[in-house]
Protein backbone atom coordinates (compact mmCIF):
# COMPACT_ATOMS: atom_id res chain seq x y z
CA UNK A 1 25.71 79.85 49.02
CA UNK A 2 24.07 79.66 45.94
CA UNK A 3 26.22 78.27 42.81
CA UNK A 4 24.20 79.70 40.14
CA UNK A 5 22.40 82.88 41.53
CA UNK A 6 24.11 85.60 42.92
CA UNK A 7 22.17 88.47 45.15
CA UNK A 8 22.66 92.16 44.80
CA UNK A 9 20.43 94.69 46.67
CA UNK A 10 19.94 98.47 46.08
CA UNK A 11 17.40 99.82 48.72
CA UNK A 12 14.21 97.83 48.08
CA UNK A 13 15.41 96.58 44.95
CA UNK A 14 16.75 92.96 44.84
CA UNK A 15 18.59 91.68 41.88
CA UNK A 16 19.39 87.86 41.23
CA UNK A 17 22.09 87.39 38.86
CA UNK A 18 22.26 84.04 37.12
CA UNK A 19 25.45 82.67 35.85
CA UNK A 20 26.47 79.11 34.64
CA UNK A 21 29.63 79.33 32.54
CA UNK A 22 30.69 78.49 29.82
CA UNK A 23 27.31 78.04 28.32
CA UNK A 24 24.99 80.02 30.83
CA UNK A 25 22.40 77.45 30.82
CA UNK A 26 19.73 76.67 33.46
CA UNK A 27 19.95 73.42 35.45
CA UNK A 28 17.74 71.66 37.84
CA UNK A 29 20.23 72.89 40.34
CA UNK A 30 19.80 76.56 39.41
CA UNK A 31 15.94 75.96 39.53
CA UNK A 32 16.12 74.74 42.99
CA UNK A 33 18.48 77.81 44.18
CA UNK A 34 16.08 80.09 42.69
CA UNK A 35 13.18 78.65 44.38
CA UNK A 36 15.19 78.90 47.80
CA UNK A 37 15.99 82.69 46.96
CA UNK A 38 12.28 83.14 46.22
CA UNK A 39 11.18 81.27 49.50
CA UNK A 40 13.35 84.16 51.34
CA UNK A 41 12.13 86.91 49.31
CA UNK A 42 8.55 86.11 50.00
CA UNK A 43 9.31 86.55 53.70
CA UNK A 44 11.23 90.03 53.19
CA UNK A 45 8.94 92.83 54.17
CA UNK A 46 11.62 95.26 52.59
CA UNK A 47 11.28 93.82 48.97
CA UNK A 48 9.90 96.47 46.70
CA UNK A 49 11.01 94.94 43.23
CA UNK A 50 12.78 91.82 42.04
CA UNK A 51 14.98 91.63 38.81
CA UNK A 52 16.45 88.75 37.42
CA UNK A 53 19.27 89.18 35.03
CA UNK A 54 22.06 87.20 33.36
CA UNK A 55 25.75 87.39 34.40
CA UNK A 56 26.93 86.19 30.84
CA UNK A 57 28.17 88.51 28.15
CA UNK A 58 25.23 88.99 26.00
CA UNK A 59 23.35 86.04 27.58
CA UNK A 60 20.46 86.05 29.84
CA UNK A 61 20.02 82.29 30.09
CA UNK A 62 20.61 80.51 26.98
CA UNK A 63 18.24 77.81 27.25
CA UNK A 64 17.72 74.78 29.65
CA UNK A 65 20.69 72.32 29.89
CA UNK A 66 20.30 69.96 26.95
CA UNK A 67 22.24 67.28 28.51
CA UNK A 68 19.81 66.88 31.30
CA UNK A 69 16.94 67.07 28.87
CA UNK A 70 18.41 64.16 26.88
CA UNK A 71 18.90 62.40 30.17
CA UNK A 72 15.28 62.51 31.11
CA UNK A 73 14.18 61.58 27.52
CA UNK A 74 16.14 58.41 27.92
CA UNK A 75 14.58 57.82 31.39
CA UNK A 76 11.05 58.19 30.03
CA UNK A 77 11.38 55.52 27.57
CA UNK A 78 11.93 52.97 30.22
CA UNK A 79 9.03 50.59 30.86
CA UNK A 80 8.87 51.76 34.76
CA UNK A 81 8.09 55.29 33.71
CA UNK A 82 4.39 54.83 32.92
CA UNK A 83 2.59 58.08 32.91
CA UNK A 84 0.40 58.79 36.22
CA UNK A 85 -3.11 59.49 35.93
CA UNK A 86 -2.37 62.80 37.56
CA UNK A 87 1.43 64.19 37.59
CA UNK A 88 2.57 66.92 40.09
CA UNK A 89 3.98 70.03 38.25
CA UNK A 90 7.68 69.72 38.19
CA UNK A 91 9.84 72.04 39.92
CA UNK A 92 10.37 74.66 37.09
CA UNK A 93 6.61 75.14 36.83
CA UNK A 94 6.63 75.62 40.78
CA UNK A 95 9.46 78.24 40.48
CA UNK A 96 7.43 80.09 37.71
CA UNK A 97 4.27 80.06 39.66
CA UNK A 98 6.39 81.35 42.71
CA UNK A 99 7.57 84.24 40.57
CA UNK A 100 3.99 85.24 39.49
CA UNK A 101 2.69 84.81 43.21
CA UNK A 102 5.18 87.40 44.48
CA UNK A 103 3.74 90.40 45.62
CA UNK A 104 6.31 92.71 44.60
CA UNK A 105 6.85 93.41 40.78
CA UNK A 106 9.14 91.02 39.05
CA UNK A 107 11.44 92.21 35.88
CA UNK A 108 13.32 90.06 33.59
CA UNK A 109 16.40 92.21 32.60
CA UNK A 110 17.37 90.00 29.28
CA UNK A 111 20.91 91.30 28.94
CA UNK A 112 21.33 89.02 25.99
CA UNK A 113 19.72 86.01 24.31
CA UNK A 114 16.94 84.03 26.19
CA UNK A 115 15.84 80.78 24.53
CA UNK A 116 13.88 77.93 25.64
CA UNK A 117 13.75 77.58 29.55
CA UNK A 118 15.39 81.19 29.60
CA UNK A 119 12.65 82.59 27.75
CA UNK A 120 10.04 80.70 29.79
CA UNK A 121 11.42 81.98 33.10
CA UNK A 122 11.16 85.45 31.60
CA UNK A 123 7.57 85.00 30.55
CA UNK A 124 6.63 84.17 34.22
CA UNK A 125 7.97 87.81 35.20
CA UNK A 126 5.72 90.86 35.22
CA UNK A 127 8.10 92.90 32.73
CA UNK A 128 10.75 91.82 30.25
CA UNK A 129 13.21 94.42 29.34
CA UNK A 130 15.72 93.42 26.45
CA UNK A 131 19.15 94.84 25.48
CA UNK A 132 19.60 95.79 21.85
CA UNK A 133 22.08 93.93 19.83
CA UNK A 134 22.58 90.56 18.02
CA UNK A 135 20.39 88.75 20.50
CA UNK A 136 17.50 86.35 19.96
CA UNK A 137 14.57 85.65 22.13
CA UNK A 138 11.94 82.74 21.65
CA UNK A 139 11.00 79.14 22.22
CA UNK A 140 12.80 77.02 19.75
CA UNK A 141 12.04 73.58 21.28
CA UNK A 142 10.26 72.02 18.29
CA UNK A 143 13.59 71.99 16.38
CA UNK A 144 15.23 69.40 18.75
CA UNK A 145 11.54 67.13 18.91
CA UNK A 146 9.97 68.39 22.06
CA UNK A 147 7.98 71.22 22.95
CA UNK A 148 8.33 74.10 25.73
CA UNK A 149 8.06 72.23 28.81
CA UNK A 150 8.13 75.10 31.55
CA UNK A 151 5.02 77.04 30.67
CA UNK A 152 5.81 78.38 27.27
CA UNK A 153 2.94 76.97 25.45
CA UNK A 154 0.52 78.45 28.08
CA UNK A 155 2.06 81.84 29.00
CA UNK A 156 3.07 82.80 25.35
CA UNK A 157 -0.46 81.92 24.14
CA UNK A 158 -1.97 83.95 26.91
CA UNK A 159 0.39 87.04 26.21
CA UNK A 160 0.46 87.15 22.33
CA UNK A 161 -2.79 85.00 21.57
CA UNK A 162 -3.15 81.36 20.22
CA UNK A 163 -2.57 81.95 16.48
CA UNK A 164 0.71 83.91 17.25
CA UNK A 165 2.01 81.19 19.96
CA UNK A 166 1.27 78.59 17.18
CA UNK A 167 3.04 80.34 14.59
CA UNK A 168 6.29 81.09 16.95
CA UNK A 169 6.40 77.76 18.69
CA UNK A 170 5.81 75.55 15.60
CA UNK A 171 8.28 77.29 13.35
CA UNK A 172 10.68 77.53 16.36
CA UNK A 173 11.29 81.03 15.64
CA UNK A 174 13.70 83.12 17.57
CA UNK A 175 13.03 86.98 17.54
CA UNK A 176 15.39 89.91 17.22
CA UNK A 177 14.97 92.79 19.81
CA UNK A 178 12.90 94.59 17.26
CA UNK A 179 10.48 91.76 16.43
CA UNK A 180 10.02 90.69 20.21
CA UNK A 181 9.16 94.48 21.04
CA UNK A 182 6.82 94.69 18.00
CA UNK A 183 5.23 91.14 18.83
CA UNK A 184 4.57 92.44 22.45
CA UNK A 185 7.17 89.76 23.94
CA UNK A 186 8.84 92.15 25.53
CA UNK A 187 8.05 95.79 27.11
CA UNK A 188 11.13 97.64 26.33
CA UNK A 189 14.47 97.48 24.30
CA UNK A 190 17.14 99.64 25.46
CA UNK A 191 20.58 100.18 24.04
CA UNK A 192 23.24 97.68 25.09
CA UNK A 193 25.44 100.51 26.55
CA UNK A 194 22.87 101.75 28.85
CA UNK A 195 21.11 98.62 29.70
CA UNK A 196 21.97 98.30 33.43
CA UNK A 197 21.30 101.81 34.15
CA UNK A 198 18.02 101.68 32.19
CA UNK A 199 17.13 98.60 34.18
CA UNK A 200 18.02 100.26 37.44
CA UNK A 201 15.94 103.23 36.66
CA UNK A 202 12.91 101.14 35.79
CA UNK A 203 13.22 98.81 38.69
CA UNK A 204 13.59 102.18 41.03
CA UNK A 205 10.46 103.70 39.59
CA UNK A 206 8.53 100.35 40.76
CA UNK A 207 10.31 100.39 44.15
CA UNK A 208 9.11 104.19 44.66
CA UNK A 209 5.51 103.26 44.15
CA UNK A 210 2.99 102.00 46.57
CA UNK A 211 3.58 98.37 47.42
CA UNK A 212 0.28 97.40 48.56
CA UNK A 213 -1.36 99.04 45.51
CA UNK A 214 1.06 97.23 43.12
CA UNK A 215 0.43 93.85 44.69
CA UNK A 216 -3.32 94.49 44.60
CA UNK A 217 -2.94 95.23 41.05
CA UNK A 218 -1.12 92.33 40.37
CA UNK A 219 -3.56 90.06 42.05
CA UNK A 220 -6.52 91.58 40.28
CA UNK A 221 -5.00 91.52 36.67
CA UNK A 222 -3.50 88.05 36.88
CA UNK A 223 -6.28 86.49 38.69
CA UNK A 224 -9.08 88.20 36.57
CA UNK A 225 -7.51 87.44 33.31
CA UNK A 226 -9.10 83.82 33.43
CA UNK A 227 -12.33 84.65 35.10
CA UNK A 228 -15.61 85.85 33.35
CA UNK A 229 -15.91 89.53 33.29
CA UNK A 230 -18.43 89.55 36.65
CA UNK A 231 -16.18 87.52 38.53
CA UNK A 232 -13.14 89.59 37.53
CA UNK A 233 -14.98 92.67 38.60
CA UNK A 234 -15.65 91.14 42.16
CA UNK A 235 -11.93 90.18 42.21
CA UNK A 236 -11.22 93.88 41.31
CA UNK A 237 -13.51 95.20 43.89
CA UNK A 238 -12.00 92.94 46.72
CA UNK A 239 -8.48 94.36 45.98
CA UNK A 240 -9.81 97.83 45.64
CA UNK A 241 -11.23 97.45 49.20
CA UNK A 242 -8.11 96.10 50.61
CA UNK A 243 -5.88 99.04 49.40
CA UNK A 244 -8.82 101.39 50.73
CA UNK A 245 -8.31 99.97 54.14
CA UNK A 246 -4.47 100.53 54.28
CA UNK A 247 -2.51 103.35 56.04
CA UNK A 248 -0.81 104.01 53.02
CA UNK A 249 -3.86 104.73 51.03
CA UNK A 250 -5.33 107.24 53.66
CA UNK A 251 -1.91 108.86 54.31
CA UNK A 252 -1.29 109.56 50.54
CA UNK A 253 -4.76 110.74 49.94
CA UNK A 254 -4.45 113.24 52.75
CA UNK A 255 -0.98 114.32 51.61
CA UNK A 256 -2.50 114.66 48.05
CA UNK A 257 -4.85 117.14 49.36
CA UNK A 258 -2.41 118.94 51.06
CA UNK A 259 -0.12 118.92 47.90
CA UNK A 260 2.62 116.89 50.00
CA UNK A 261 4.93 113.85 48.99
CA UNK A 262 3.95 110.69 50.85
CA UNK A 263 6.38 108.08 51.85
CA UNK A 264 5.16 104.42 51.39
CA UNK A 265 5.33 102.22 54.51
CA UNK A 266 3.58 99.13 53.00
CA UNK A 267 0.93 99.11 55.80
């Protein structure tokens, strides 16, 4: 049983709730546990949407556990810790890539503050929803002498642009909900009192849509964003043709012509 992540299920929507009291920080053990949960979900044909949220009051994930980072910093100063010519990505990078590869849409439901590693985990999700209130979101690592180390420099720059990412990361800026929404860091800000209901409705809407089409759209958008236009168009065409061959597309288009609703099968 996972010590840091509990699982809730409502139809095709799976919610993973993080809790590590009292600080609500993310640890190496929590990263490993999340990877194990994602391994299982990758093989789950009934999954339609995944939500990550926090179990702490007003906190999604406060940050990565500083004690672990401090110990790693000390170890890295040892003479035997010479940098390798090419290092493997560490476990936190791998779990973020797992999230991005997941066929089902992923939602970071930020029920409160998310700094450092918490923000980086949210950046790997397809959607970020934030509860309104006295919360802060961002990457303040330079204030303790390091930089974001779980994809923050790369994903924030891709999301907001190089100039904005430089400004926010170099100044260790934490954004209010209104500022995060205006910057494009989060997709929605919902009132704290109705946040869980709003997240449930948001995820249910995704779960009720064509699963193969959503997965294909994710592949085309995420994969094509780093390609030249012509290569991106070829990727889009490949994914379009894949959906056109599906039973869901054939059935849904016939149902549309008859003025009927269609129930998605994922085939």
